[in-house]
Amino acid sequence: VRGTQVLLEAARRHRVGRFLQISTDEV
């Protein structure tokens, strides 16, 4: 959770074009 949020915030600040989150069917 925290790690994903840190990555998202970095992607937002640096205007990264694509962000792919690898999740699971267990959700």
mmCIF file of all heavy atoms, coordinates in Angstrom:
data_MODEL
# 
_entry.id   MODEL 
# 
loop_
_atom_site.group_PDB 
_atom_site.id 
_atom_site.type_symbol 
_atom_site.label_atom_id 
_atom_site.label_alt_id 
_atom_site.label_comp_id 
_atom_site.label_asym_id 
_atom_site.label_entity_id 
_atom_site.label_seq_id 
_atom_site.pdbx_PDB_ins_code 
_atom_site.Cartn_x 
_atom_site.Cartn_y 
_atom_site.Cartn_z 
_atom_site.occupancy 
_atom_site.B_iso_or_equiv 
_atom_site.pdbx_formal_charge 
_atom_site.auth_seq_id 
_atom_site.auth_comp_id 
_atom_site.auth_asym_id 
_atom_site.auth_atom_id 
_atom_site.pdbx_PDB_model_num 
ATOM 1   N N   . VAL A 1 1  ? 0.836   -1.208  0.000   1.00 0.00 ? 1  VAL A N   1 
ATOM 2   C CA  . VAL A 1 1  ? 0.000   0.000   0.000   1.00 0.00 ? 1  VAL A CA  1 
ATOM 3   C C   . VAL A 1 1  ? 0.870   1.258   0.000   1.00 0.00 ? 1  VAL A C   1 
ATOM 4   O O   . VAL A 1 1  ? 0.798   2.071   -0.923  1.00 0.00 ? 1  VAL A O   1 
ATOM 5   C CB  . VAL A 1 1  ? -0.966  0.004   1.203   1.00 0.00 ? 1  VAL A CB  1 
ATOM 6   C CG1 . VAL A 1 1  ? -1.879  1.227   1.133   1.00 0.00 ? 1  VAL A CG1 1 
ATOM 7   C CG2 . VAL A 1 1  ? -1.803  -1.272  1.219   1.00 0.00 ? 1  VAL A CG2 1 
ATOM 8   N N   . ARG A 1 2  ? 1.684   1.424   1.033   1.00 0.00 ? 2  ARG A N   1 
ATOM 9   C CA  . ARG A 1 2  ? 2.545   2.602   1.106   1.00 0.00 ? 2  ARG A CA  1 
ATOM 10  C C   . ARG A 1 2  ? 3.493   2.661   -0.096  1.00 0.00 ? 2  ARG A C   1 
ATOM 11  O O   . ARG A 1 2  ? 3.661   3.722   -0.716  1.00 0.00 ? 2  ARG A O   1 
ATOM 12  C CB  . ARG A 1 2  ? 3.342   2.569   2.406   1.00 0.00 ? 2  ARG A CB  1 
ATOM 13  C CG  . ARG A 1 2  ? 4.487   3.566   2.516   1.00 0.00 ? 2  ARG A CG  1 
ATOM 14  C CD  . ARG A 1 2  ? 4.036   4.998   2.436   1.00 0.00 ? 2  ARG A CD  1 
ATOM 15  N NE  . ARG A 1 2  ? 5.152   5.919   2.639   1.00 0.00 ? 2  ARG A NE  1 
ATOM 16  C CZ  . ARG A 1 2  ? 5.124   7.204   2.311   1.00 0.00 ? 2  ARG A CZ  1 
ATOM 17  N NH1 . ARG A 1 2  ? 4.030   7.733   1.768   1.00 0.00 ? 2  ARG A NH1 1 
ATOM 18  N NH2 . ARG A 1 2  ? 6.185   7.963   2.519   1.00 0.00 ? 2  ARG A NH2 1 
ATOM 19  N N   . GLY A 1 3  ? 4.096   1.544   -0.467  1.00 0.00 ? 3  GLY A N   1 
ATOM 20  C CA  . GLY A 1 3  ? 5.021   1.539   -1.600  1.00 0.00 ? 3  GLY A CA  1 
ATOM 21  C C   . GLY A 1 3  ? 4.352   1.944   -2.895  1.00 0.00 ? 3  GLY A C   1 
ATOM 22  O O   . GLY A 1 3  ? 4.914   2.706   -3.699  1.00 0.00 ? 3  GLY A O   1 
ATOM 23  N N   . THR A 1 4  ? 3.140   1.455   -3.134  1.00 0.00 ? 4  THR A N   1 
ATOM 24  C CA  . THR A 1 4  ? 2.411   1.836   -4.347  1.00 0.00 ? 4  THR A CA  1 
ATOM 25  C C   . THR A 1 4  ? 2.106   3.322   -4.351  1.00 0.00 ? 4  THR A C   1 
ATOM 26  O O   . THR A 1 4  ? 2.237   3.999   -5.384  1.00 0.00 ? 4  THR A O   1 
ATOM 27  C CB  . THR A 1 4  ? 1.110   1.016   -4.466  1.00 0.00 ? 4  THR A CB  1 
ATOM 28  O OG1 . THR A 1 4  ? 1.433   -0.372  -4.546  1.00 0.00 ? 4  THR A OG1 1 
ATOM 29  C CG2 . THR A 1 4  ? 0.319   1.422   -5.698  1.00 0.00 ? 4  THR A CG2 1 
ATOM 30  N N   . GLN A 1 5  ? 1.733   3.874   -3.197  1.00 0.00 ? 5  GLN A N   1 
ATOM 31  C CA  . GLN A 1 5  ? 1.437   5.313   -3.122  1.00 0.00 ? 5  GLN A CA  1 
ATOM 32  C C   . GLN A 1 5  ? 2.682   6.147   -3.407  1.00 0.00 ? 5  GLN A C   1 
ATOM 33  O O   . GLN A 1 5  ? 2.608   7.176   -4.101  1.00 0.00 ? 5  GLN A O   1 
ATOM 34  C CB  . GLN A 1 5  ? 0.861   5.642   -1.742  1.00 0.00 ? 5  GLN A CB  1 
ATOM 35  C CG  . GLN A 1 5  ? 0.401   7.077   -1.587  1.00 0.00 ? 5  GLN A CG  1 
ATOM 36  C CD  . GLN A 1 5  ? 1.522   8.023   -1.151  1.00 0.00 ? 5  GLN A CD  1 
ATOM 37  O OE1 . GLN A 1 5  ? 2.455   7.598   -0.457  1.00 0.00 ? 5  GLN A OE1 1 
ATOM 38  N NE2 . GLN A 1 5  ? 1.429   9.277   -1.554  1.00 0.00 ? 5  GLN A NE2 1 
ATOM 39  N N   . VAL A 1 6  ? 3.830   5.706   -2.911  1.00 0.00 ? 6  VAL A N   1 
ATOM 40  C CA  . VAL A 1 6  ? 5.081   6.432   -3.181  1.00 0.00 ? 6  VAL A CA  1 
ATOM 41  C C   . VAL A 1 6  ? 5.377   6.423   -4.681  1.00 0.00 ? 6  VAL A C   1 
ATOM 42  O O   . VAL A 1 6  ? 5.745   7.458   -5.266  1.00 0.00 ? 6  VAL A O   1 
ATOM 43  C CB  . VAL A 1 6  ? 6.253   5.798   -2.393  1.00 0.00 ? 6  VAL A CB  1 
ATOM 44  C CG1 . VAL A 1 6  ? 7.593   6.353   -2.872  1.00 0.00 ? 6  VAL A CG1 1 
ATOM 45  C CG2 . VAL A 1 6  ? 6.081   6.047   -0.901  1.00 0.00 ? 6  VAL A CG2 1 
ATOM 46  N N   . LEU A 1 7  ? 5.195   5.286   -5.334  1.00 0.00 ? 7  LEU A N   1 
ATOM 47  C CA  . LEU A 1 7  ? 5.417   5.205   -6.780  1.00 0.00 ? 7  LEU A CA  1 
ATOM 48  C C   . LEU A 1 7  ? 4.440   6.078   -7.556  1.00 0.00 ? 7  LEU A C   1 
ATOM 49  O O   . LEU A 1 7  ? 4.815   6.763   -8.515  1.00 0.00 ? 7  LEU A O   1 
ATOM 50  C CB  . LEU A 1 7  ? 5.280   3.757   -7.248  1.00 0.00 ? 7  LEU A CB  1 
ATOM 51  C CG  . LEU A 1 7  ? 6.386   2.790   -6.857  1.00 0.00 ? 7  LEU A CG  1 
ATOM 52  C CD1 . LEU A 1 7  ? 5.977   1.363   -7.219  1.00 0.00 ? 7  LEU A CD1 1 
ATOM 53  C CD2 . LEU A 1 7  ? 7.705   3.151   -7.534  1.00 0.00 ? 7  LEU A CD2 1 
ATOM 54  N N   . LEU A 1 8  ? 3.187   6.073   -7.152  1.00 0.00 ? 8  LEU A N   1 
ATOM 55  C CA  . LEU A 1 8  ? 2.174   6.899   -7.824  1.00 0.00 ? 8  LEU A CA  1 
ATOM 56  C C   . LEU A 1 8  ? 2.513   8.379   -7.708  1.00 0.00 ? 8  LEU A C   1 
ATOM 57  O O   . LEU A 1 8  ? 2.380   9.141   -8.676  1.00 0.00 ? 8  LEU A O   1 
ATOM 58  C CB  . LEU A 1 8  ? 0.798   6.617   -7.228  1.00 0.00 ? 8  LEU A CB  1 
ATOM 59  C CG  . LEU A 1 8  ? 0.164   5.269   -7.573  1.00 0.00 ? 8  LEU A CG  1 
ATOM 60  C CD1 . LEU A 1 8  ? -1.003  4.985   -6.638  1.00 0.00 ? 8  LEU A CD1 1 
ATOM 61  C CD2 . LEU A 1 8  ? -0.291  5.247   -9.030  1.00 0.00 ? 8  LEU A CD2 1 
ATOM 62  N N   . GLU A 1 9  ? 2.940   8.774   -6.540  1.00 0.00 ? 9  GLU A N   1 
ATOM 63  C CA  . GLU A 1 9  ? 3.275   10.193  -6.339  1.00 0.00 ? 9  GLU A CA  1 
ATOM 64  C C   . GLU A 1 9  ? 4.478   10.586  -7.192  1.00 0.00 ? 9  GLU A C   1 
ATOM 65  O O   . GLU A 1 9  ? 4.507   11.674  -7.787  1.00 0.00 ? 9  GLU A O   1 
ATOM 66  C CB  . GLU A 1 9  ? 3.553   10.452  -4.858  1.00 0.00 ? 9  GLU A CB  1 
ATOM 67  C CG  . GLU A 1 9  ? 3.701   11.909  -4.486  1.00 0.00 ? 9  GLU A CG  1 
ATOM 68  C CD  . GLU A 1 9  ? 2.475   12.747  -4.802  1.00 0.00 ? 9  GLU A CD  1 
ATOM 69  O OE1 . GLU A 1 9  ? 1.369   12.208  -4.920  1.00 0.00 ? 9  GLU A OE1 1 
ATOM 70  O OE2 . GLU A 1 9  ? 2.649   13.988  -4.950  1.00 0.00 ? 9  GLU A OE2 1 
ATOM 71  N N   . ALA A 1 10 ? 5.471   9.706   -7.286  1.00 0.00 ? 10 ALA A N   1 
ATOM 72  C CA  . ALA A 1 10 ? 6.623   9.984   -8.143  1.00 0.00 ? 10 ALA A CA  1 
ATOM 73  C C   . ALA A 1 10 ? 6.199   10.053  -9.609  1.00 0.00 ? 10 ALA A C   1 
ATOM 74  O O   . ALA A 1 10 ? 6.665   10.922  -10.363 1.00 0.00 ? 10 ALA A O   1 
ATOM 75  C CB  . ALA A 1 10 ? 7.687   8.903   -7.951  1.00 0.00 ? 10 ALA A CB  1 
ATOM 76  N N   . ALA A 1 11 ? 5.325   9.150   -10.013 1.00 0.00 ? 11 ALA A N   1 
ATOM 77  C CA  . ALA A 1 11 ? 4.834   9.164   -11.389 1.00 0.00 ? 11 ALA A CA  1 
ATOM 78  C C   . ALA A 1 11 ? 4.076   10.446  -11.688 1.00 0.00 ? 11 ALA A C   1 
ATOM 79  O O   . ALA A 1 11 ? 4.205   11.027  -12.779 1.00 0.00 ? 11 ALA A O   1 
ATOM 80  C CB  . ALA A 1 11 ? 3.931   7.951   -11.628 1.00 0.00 ? 11 ALA A CB  1 
ATOM 81  N N   . ARG A 1 12 ? 3.304   10.917  -10.733 1.00 0.00 ? 12 ARG A N   1 
ATOM 82  C CA  . ARG A 1 12 ? 2.570   12.178  -10.921 1.00 0.00 ? 12 ARG A CA  1 
ATOM 83  C C   . ARG A 1 12 ? 3.518   13.362  -11.061 1.00 0.00 ? 12 ARG A C   1 
ATOM 84  O O   . ARG A 1 12 ? 3.387   14.183  -11.980 1.00 0.00 ? 12 ARG A O   1 
ATOM 85  C CB  . ARG A 1 12 ? 1.610   12.400  -9.750  1.00 0.00 ? 12 ARG A CB  1 
ATOM 86  C CG  . ARG A 1 12 ? 0.761   13.672  -9.864  1.00 0.00 ? 12 ARG A CG  1 
ATOM 87  C CD  . ARG A 1 12 ? 0.033   13.970  -8.566  1.00 0.00 ? 12 ARG A CD  1 
ATOM 88  N NE  . ARG A 1 12 ? 0.937   14.348  -7.496  1.00 0.00 ? 12 ARG A NE  1 
ATOM 89  C CZ  . ARG A 1 12 ? 1.445   15.579  -7.340  1.00 0.00 ? 12 ARG A CZ  1 
ATOM 90  N NH1 . ARG A 1 12 ? 1.164   16.540  -8.218  1.00 0.00 ? 12 ARG A NH1 1 
ATOM 91  N NH2 . ARG A 1 12 ? 2.251   15.840  -6.330  1.00 0.00 ? 12 ARG A NH2 1 
ATOM 92  N N   . ARG A 1 13 ? 4.492   13.444  -10.162 1.00 0.00 ? 13 ARG A N   1 
ATOM 93  C CA  . ARG A 1 13 ? 5.420   14.576  -10.176 1.00 0.00 ? 13 ARG A CA  1 
ATOM 94  C C   . ARG A 1 13 ? 6.250   14.612  -11.452 1.00 0.00 ? 13 ARG A C   1 
ATOM 95  O O   . ARG A 1 13 ? 6.513   15.686  -12.001 1.00 0.00 ? 13 ARG A O   1 
ATOM 96  C CB  . ARG A 1 13 ? 6.361   14.519  -8.963  1.00 0.00 ? 13 ARG A CB  1 
ATOM 97  C CG  . ARG A 1 13 ? 5.707   14.829  -7.640  1.00 0.00 ? 13 ARG A CG  1 
ATOM 98  C CD  . ARG A 1 13 ? 6.767   15.160  -6.592  1.00 0.00 ? 13 ARG A CD  1 
ATOM 99  N NE  . ARG A 1 13 ? 7.906   14.249  -6.639  1.00 0.00 ? 13 ARG A NE  1 
ATOM 100 C CZ  . ARG A 1 13 ? 7.972   13.101  -5.990  1.00 0.00 ? 13 ARG A CZ  1 
ATOM 101 N NH1 . ARG A 1 13 ? 6.945   12.694  -5.261  1.00 0.00 ? 13 ARG A NH1 1 
ATOM 102 N NH2 . ARG A 1 13 ? 9.051   12.337  -6.069  1.00 0.00 ? 13 ARG A NH2 1 
ATOM 103 N N   . HIS A 1 14 ? 6.668   13.460  -11.920 1.00 0.00 ? 14 HIS A N   1 
ATOM 104 C CA  . HIS A 1 14 ? 7.552   13.387  -13.082 1.00 0.00 ? 14 HIS A CA  1 
ATOM 105 C C   . HIS A 1 14 ? 6.793   13.204  -14.395 1.00 0.00 ? 14 HIS A C   1 
ATOM 106 O O   . HIS A 1 14 ? 7.412   13.005  -15.436 1.00 0.00 ? 14 HIS A O   1 
ATOM 107 C CB  . HIS A 1 14 ? 8.560   12.244  -12.897 1.00 0.00 ? 14 HIS A CB  1 
ATOM 108 C CG  . HIS A 1 14 ? 9.582   12.505  -11.832 1.00 0.00 ? 14 HIS A CG  1 
ATOM 109 N ND1 . HIS A 1 14 ? 10.715  13.271  -12.054 1.00 0.00 ? 14 HIS A ND1 1 
ATOM 110 C CD2 . HIS A 1 14 ? 9.625   12.115  -10.521 1.00 0.00 ? 14 HIS A CD2 1 
ATOM 111 C CE1 . HIS A 1 14 ? 11.428  13.320  -10.938 1.00 0.00 ? 14 HIS A CE1 1 
ATOM 112 N NE2 . HIS A 1 14 ? 10.790  12.632  -9.996  1.00 0.00 ? 14 HIS A NE2 1 
ATOM 113 N N   . ARG A 1 15 ? 5.469   13.250  -14.318 1.00 0.00 ? 15 ARG A N   1 
ATOM 114 C CA  . ARG A 1 15 ? 4.619   13.163  -15.516 1.00 0.00 ? 15 ARG A CA  1 
ATOM 115 C C   . ARG A 1 15 ? 4.915   11.911  -16.344 1.00 0.00 ? 15 ARG A C   1 
ATOM 116 O O   . ARG A 1 15 ? 5.083   11.970  -17.572 1.00 0.00 ? 15 ARG A O   1 
ATOM 117 C CB  . ARG A 1 15 ? 4.783   14.421  -16.380 1.00 0.00 ? 15 ARG A CB  1 
ATOM 118 C CG  . ARG A 1 15 ? 4.418   15.716  -15.651 1.00 0.00 ? 15 ARG A CG  1 
ATOM 119 C CD  . ARG A 1 15 ? 4.552   16.928  -16.535 1.00 0.00 ? 15 ARG A CD  1 
ATOM 120 N NE  . ARG A 1 15 ? 4.266   18.153  -15.822 1.00 0.00 ? 15 ARG A NE  1 
ATOM 121 C CZ  . ARG A 1 15 ? 3.038   18.659  -15.621 1.00 0.00 ? 15 ARG A CZ  1 
ATOM 122 N NH1 . ARG A 1 15 ? 1.989   18.013  -16.092 1.00 0.00 ? 15 ARG A NH1 1 
ATOM 123 N NH2 . ARG A 1 15 ? 2.866   19.786  -14.963 1.00 0.00 ? 15 ARG A NH2 1 
ATOM 124 N N   . VAL A 1 16 ? 4.987   10.779  -15.653 1.00 0.00 ? 16 VAL A N   1 
ATOM 125 C CA  . VAL A 1 16 ? 5.188   9.504   -16.331 1.00 0.00 ? 16 VAL A CA  1 
ATOM 126 C C   . VAL A 1 16 ? 3.916   9.152   -17.106 1.00 0.00 ? 16 VAL A C   1 
ATOM 127 O O   . VAL A 1 16 ? 2.808   9.238   -16.576 1.00 0.00 ? 16 VAL A O   1 
ATOM 128 C CB  . VAL A 1 16 ? 5.525   8.393   -15.318 1.00 0.00 ? 16 VAL A CB  1 
ATOM 129 C CG1 . VAL A 1 16 ? 5.615   7.035   -16.003 1.00 0.00 ? 16 VAL A CG1 1 
ATOM 130 C CG2 . VAL A 1 16 ? 6.834   8.720   -14.603 1.00 0.00 ? 16 VAL A CG2 1 
ATOM 131 N N   . GLY A 1 17 ? 4.085   8.736   -18.348 1.00 0.00 ? 17 GLY A N   1 
ATOM 132 C CA  . GLY A 1 17 ? 2.930   8.537   -19.212 1.00 0.00 ? 17 GLY A CA  1 
ATOM 133 C C   . GLY A 1 17 ? 2.096   7.313   -18.891 1.00 0.00 ? 17 GLY A C   1 
ATOM 134 O O   . GLY A 1 17 ? 0.871   7.324   -19.059 1.00 0.00 ? 17 GLY A O   1 
ATOM 135 N N   . ARG A 1 18 ? 2.733   6.217   -18.441 1.00 0.00 ? 18 ARG A N   1 
ATOM 136 C CA  . ARG A 1 18 ? 2.015   4.973   -18.196 1.00 0.00 ? 18 ARG A CA  1 
ATOM 137 C C   . ARG A 1 18 ? 2.432   4.398   -16.840 1.00 0.00 ? 18 ARG A C   1 
ATOM 138 O O   . ARG A 1 18 ? 3.617   4.370   -16.506 1.00 0.00 ? 18 ARG A O   1 
ATOM 139 C CB  . ARG A 1 18 ? 2.313   3.934   -19.276 1.00 0.00 ? 18 ARG A CB  1 
ATOM 140 C CG  . ARG A 1 18 ? 2.091   4.395   -20.686 1.00 0.00 ? 18 ARG A CG  1 
ATOM 141 C CD  . ARG A 1 18 ? 0.638   4.427   -21.067 1.00 0.00 ? 18 ARG A CD  1 
ATOM 142 N NE  . ARG A 1 18 ? 0.156   3.136   -21.548 1.00 0.00 ? 18 ARG A NE  1 
ATOM 143 C CZ  . ARG A 1 18 ? -1.058  2.971   -22.069 1.00 0.00 ? 18 ARG A CZ  1 
ATOM 144 N NH1 . ARG A 1 18 ? -1.908  3.975   -22.152 1.00 0.00 ? 18 ARG A NH1 1 
ATOM 145 N NH2 . ARG A 1 18 ? -1.427  1.769   -22.501 1.00 0.00 ? 18 ARG A NH2 1 
ATOM 146 N N   . PHE A 1 19 ? 1.454   3.923   -16.098 1.00 0.00 ? 19 PHE A N   1 
ATOM 147 C CA  . PHE A 1 19 ? 1.701   3.280   -14.812 1.00 0.00 ? 19 PHE A CA  1 
ATOM 148 C C   . PHE A 1 19 ? 0.903   1.987   -14.797 1.00 0.00 ? 19 PHE A C   1 
ATOM 149 O O   . PHE A 1 19 ? -0.336  2.010   -14.816 1.00 0.00 ? 19 PHE A O   1 
ATOM 150 C CB  . PHE A 1 19 ? 1.269   4.175   -13.653 1.00 0.00 ? 19 PHE A CB  1 
ATOM 151 C CG  . PHE A 1 19 ? 1.640   3.641   -12.281 1.00 0.00 ? 19 PHE A CG  1 
ATOM 152 C CD1 . PHE A 1 19 ? 2.699   4.200   -11.580 1.00 0.00 ? 19 PHE A CD1 1 
ATOM 153 C CD2 . PHE A 1 19 ? 0.934   2.597   -11.696 1.00 0.00 ? 19 PHE A CD2 1 
ATOM 154 C CE1 . PHE A 1 19 ? 3.047   3.723   -10.317 1.00 0.00 ? 19 PHE A CE1 1 
ATOM 155 C CE2 . PHE A 1 19 ? 1.272   2.111   -10.451 1.00 0.00 ? 19 PHE A CE2 1 
ATOM 156 C CZ  . PHE A 1 19 ? 2.335   2.681   -9.756  1.00 0.00 ? 19 PHE A CZ  1 
ATOM 157 N N   . LEU A 1 20 ? 1.588   0.850   -14.778 1.00 0.00 ? 20 LEU A N   1 
ATOM 158 C CA  . LEU A 1 20 ? 0.927   -0.451  -14.792 1.00 0.00 ? 20 LEU A CA  1 
ATOM 159 C C   . LEU A 1 20 ? 1.071   -1.113  -13.425 1.00 0.00 ? 20 LEU A C   1 
ATOM 160 O O   . LEU A 1 20 ? 2.181   -1.424  -12.995 1.00 0.00 ? 20 LEU A O   1 
ATOM 161 C CB  . LEU A 1 20 ? 1.520   -1.344  -15.884 1.00 0.00 ? 20 LEU A CB  1 
ATOM 162 C CG  . LEU A 1 20 ? 0.961   -2.764  -15.992 1.00 0.00 ? 20 LEU A CG  1 
ATOM 163 C CD1 . LEU A 1 20 ? -0.552  -2.753  -16.163 1.00 0.00 ? 20 LEU A CD1 1 
ATOM 164 C CD2 . LEU A 1 20 ? 1.626   -3.506  -17.152 1.00 0.00 ? 20 LEU A CD2 1 
ATOM 165 N N   . GLN A 1 21 ? -0.052  -1.313  -12.764 1.00 0.00 ? 21 GLN A N   1 
ATOM 166 C CA  . GLN A 1 21 ? -0.082  -1.953  -11.458 1.00 0.00 ? 21 GLN A CA  1 
ATOM 167 C C   . GLN A 1 21 ? -0.379  -3.440  -11.628 1.00 0.00 ? 21 GLN A C   1 
ATOM 168 O O   . GLN A 1 21 ? -1.412  -3.826  -12.173 1.00 0.00 ? 21 GLN A O   1 
ATOM 169 C CB  . GLN A 1 21 ? -1.167  -1.309  -10.583 1.00 0.00 ? 21 GLN A CB  1 
ATOM 170 C CG  . GLN A 1 21 ? -1.449  -2.001  -9.275  1.00 0.00 ? 21 GLN A CG  1 
ATOM 171 C CD  . GLN A 1 21 ? -0.352  -1.794  -8.237  1.00 0.00 ? 21 GLN A CD  1 
ATOM 172 O OE1 . GLN A 1 21 ? 0.646   -1.115  -8.485  1.00 0.00 ? 21 GLN A OE1 1 
ATOM 173 N NE2 . GLN A 1 21 ? -0.536  -2.376  -7.063  1.00 0.00 ? 21 GLN A NE2 1 
ATOM 174 N N   . ILE A 1 22 ? 0.546   -4.288  -11.150 1.00 0.00 ? 22 ILE A N   1 
ATOM 175 C CA  . ILE A 1 22 ? 0.369   -5.730  -11.236 1.00 0.00 ? 22 ILE A CA  1 
ATOM 176 C C   . ILE A 1 22 ? -0.353  -6.196  -9.983  1.00 0.00 ? 22 ILE A C   1 
ATOM 177 O O   . ILE A 1 22 ? 0.224   -6.244  -8.897  1.00 0.00 ? 22 ILE A O   1 
ATOM 178 C CB  . ILE A 1 22 ? 1.717   -6.466  -11.378 1.00 0.00 ? 22 ILE A CB  1 
ATOM 179 C CG1 . ILE A 1 22 ? 2.581   -5.808  -12.465 1.00 0.00 ? 22 ILE A CG1 1 
ATOM 180 C CG2 . ILE A 1 22 ? 1.472   -7.941  -11.679 1.00 0.00 ? 22 ILE A CG2 1 
ATOM 181 C CD1 . ILE A 1 22 ? 1.933   -5.730  -13.825 1.00 0.00 ? 22 ILE A CD1 1 
ATOM 182 N N   . SER A 1 23 ? -1.624  -6.536  -10.131 1.00 0.00 ? 23 SER A N   1 
ATOM 183 C CA  . SER A 1 23 ? -2.438  -6.948  -8.998  1.00 0.00 ? 23 SER A CA  1 
ATOM 184 C C   . SER A 1 23 ? -2.664  -8.460  -9.049  1.00 0.00 ? 23 SER A C   1 
ATOM 185 O O   . SER A 1 23 ? -1.853  -9.199  -9.595  1.00 0.00 ? 23 SER A O   1 
ATOM 186 C CB  . SER A 1 23 ? -3.756  -6.170  -8.989  1.00 0.00 ? 23 SER A CB  1 
ATOM 187 O OG  . SER A 1 23 ? -4.487  -6.408  -7.809  1.00 0.00 ? 23 SER A OG  1 
ATOM 188 N N   . THR A 1 24 ? -3.762  -8.915  -8.498  1.00 0.00 ? 24 THR A N   1 
ATOM 189 C CA  . THR A 1 24 ? -4.028  -10.347 -8.363  1.00 0.00 ? 24 THR A CA  1 
ATOM 190 C C   . THR A 1 24 ? -5.517  -10.612 -8.395  1.00 0.00 ? 24 THR A C   1 
ATOM 191 O O   . THR A 1 24 ? -6.322  -9.753  -7.988  1.00 0.00 ? 24 THR A O   1 
ATOM 192 C CB  . THR A 1 24 ? -3.448  -10.878 -7.033  1.00 0.00 ? 24 THR A CB  1 
ATOM 193 O OG1 . THR A 1 24 ? -3.905  -12.219 -6.809  1.00 0.00 ? 24 THR A OG1 1 
ATOM 194 C CG2 . THR A 1 24 ? -3.906  -10.032 -5.857  1.00 0.00 ? 24 THR A CG2 1 
ATOM 195 N N   . ASP A 1 25 ? -5.910  -11.807 -8.845  1.00 0.00 ? 25 ASP A N   1 
ATOM 196 C CA  . ASP A 1 25 ? -7.322  -12.172 -8.824  1.00 0.00 ? 25 ASP A CA  1 
ATOM 197 C C   . ASP A 1 25 ? -7.837  -12.375 -7.407  1.00 0.00 ? 25 ASP A C   1 
ATOM 198 O O   . ASP A 1 25 ? -9.050  -12.400 -7.172  1.00 0.00 ? 25 ASP A O   1 
ATOM 199 C CB  . ASP A 1 25 ? -7.569  -13.427 -9.664  1.00 0.00 ? 25 ASP A CB  1 
ATOM 200 C CG  . ASP A 1 25 ? -6.797  -14.652 -9.178  1.00 0.00 ? 25 ASP A CG  1 
ATOM 201 O OD1 . ASP A 1 25 ? -5.924  -14.513 -8.298  1.00 0.00 ? 25 ASP A OD1 1 
ATOM 202 O OD2 . ASP A 1 25 ? -7.075  -15.753 -9.694  1.00 0.00 ? 25 ASP A OD2 1 
ATOM 203 N N   . GLU A 1 26 ? -6.926  -12.476 -6.430  1.00 0.00 ? 26 GLU A N   1 
ATOM 204 C CA  . GLU A 1 26 ? -7.355  -12.709 -5.058  1.00 0.00 ? 26 GLU A CA  1 
ATOM 205 C C   . GLU A 1 26 ? -8.109  -11.521 -4.459  1.00 0.00 ? 26 GLU A C   1 
ATOM 206 O O   . GLU A 1 26 ? -8.786  -11.669 -3.438  1.00 0.00 ? 26 GLU A O   1 
ATOM 207 C CB  . GLU A 1 26 ? -6.159  -13.082 -4.176  1.00 0.00 ? 26 GLU A CB  1 
ATOM 208 C CG  . GLU A 1 26 ? -5.528  -14.410 -4.574  1.00 0.00 ? 26 GLU A CG  1 
ATOM 209 C CD  . GLU A 1 26 ? -4.511  -14.920 -3.581  1.00 0.00 ? 26 GLU A CD  1 
ATOM 210 O OE1 . GLU A 1 26 ? -4.758  -14.791 -2.364  1.00 0.00 ? 26 GLU A OE1 1 
ATOM 211 O OE2 . GLU A 1 26 ? -3.475  -15.452 -4.003  1.00 0.00 ? 26 GLU A OE2 1 
ATOM 212 N N   . VAL A 1 27 ? -8.015  -10.342 -5.076  1.00 0.00 ? 27 VAL A N   1 
ATOM 213 C CA  . VAL A 1 27 ? -8.776  -9.193  -4.563  1.00 0.00 ? 27 VAL A CA  1 
ATOM 214 C C   . VAL A 1 27 ? -10.276 -9.414  -4.701  1.00 0.00 ? 27 VAL A C   1 
ATOM 215 O O   . VAL A 1 27 ? -11.075 -8.755  -4.027  1.00 0.00 ? 27 VAL A O   1 
ATOM 216 C CB  . VAL A 1 27 ? -8.368  -7.885  -5.267  1.00 0.00 ? 27 VAL A CB  1 
ATOM 217 C CG1 . VAL A 1 27 ? -6.898  -7.587  -5.055  1.00 0.00 ? 27 VAL A CG1 1 
ATOM 218 C CG2 . VAL A 1 27 ? -8.714  -7.914  -6.748  1.00 0.00 ? 27 VAL A CG2 1 
# 
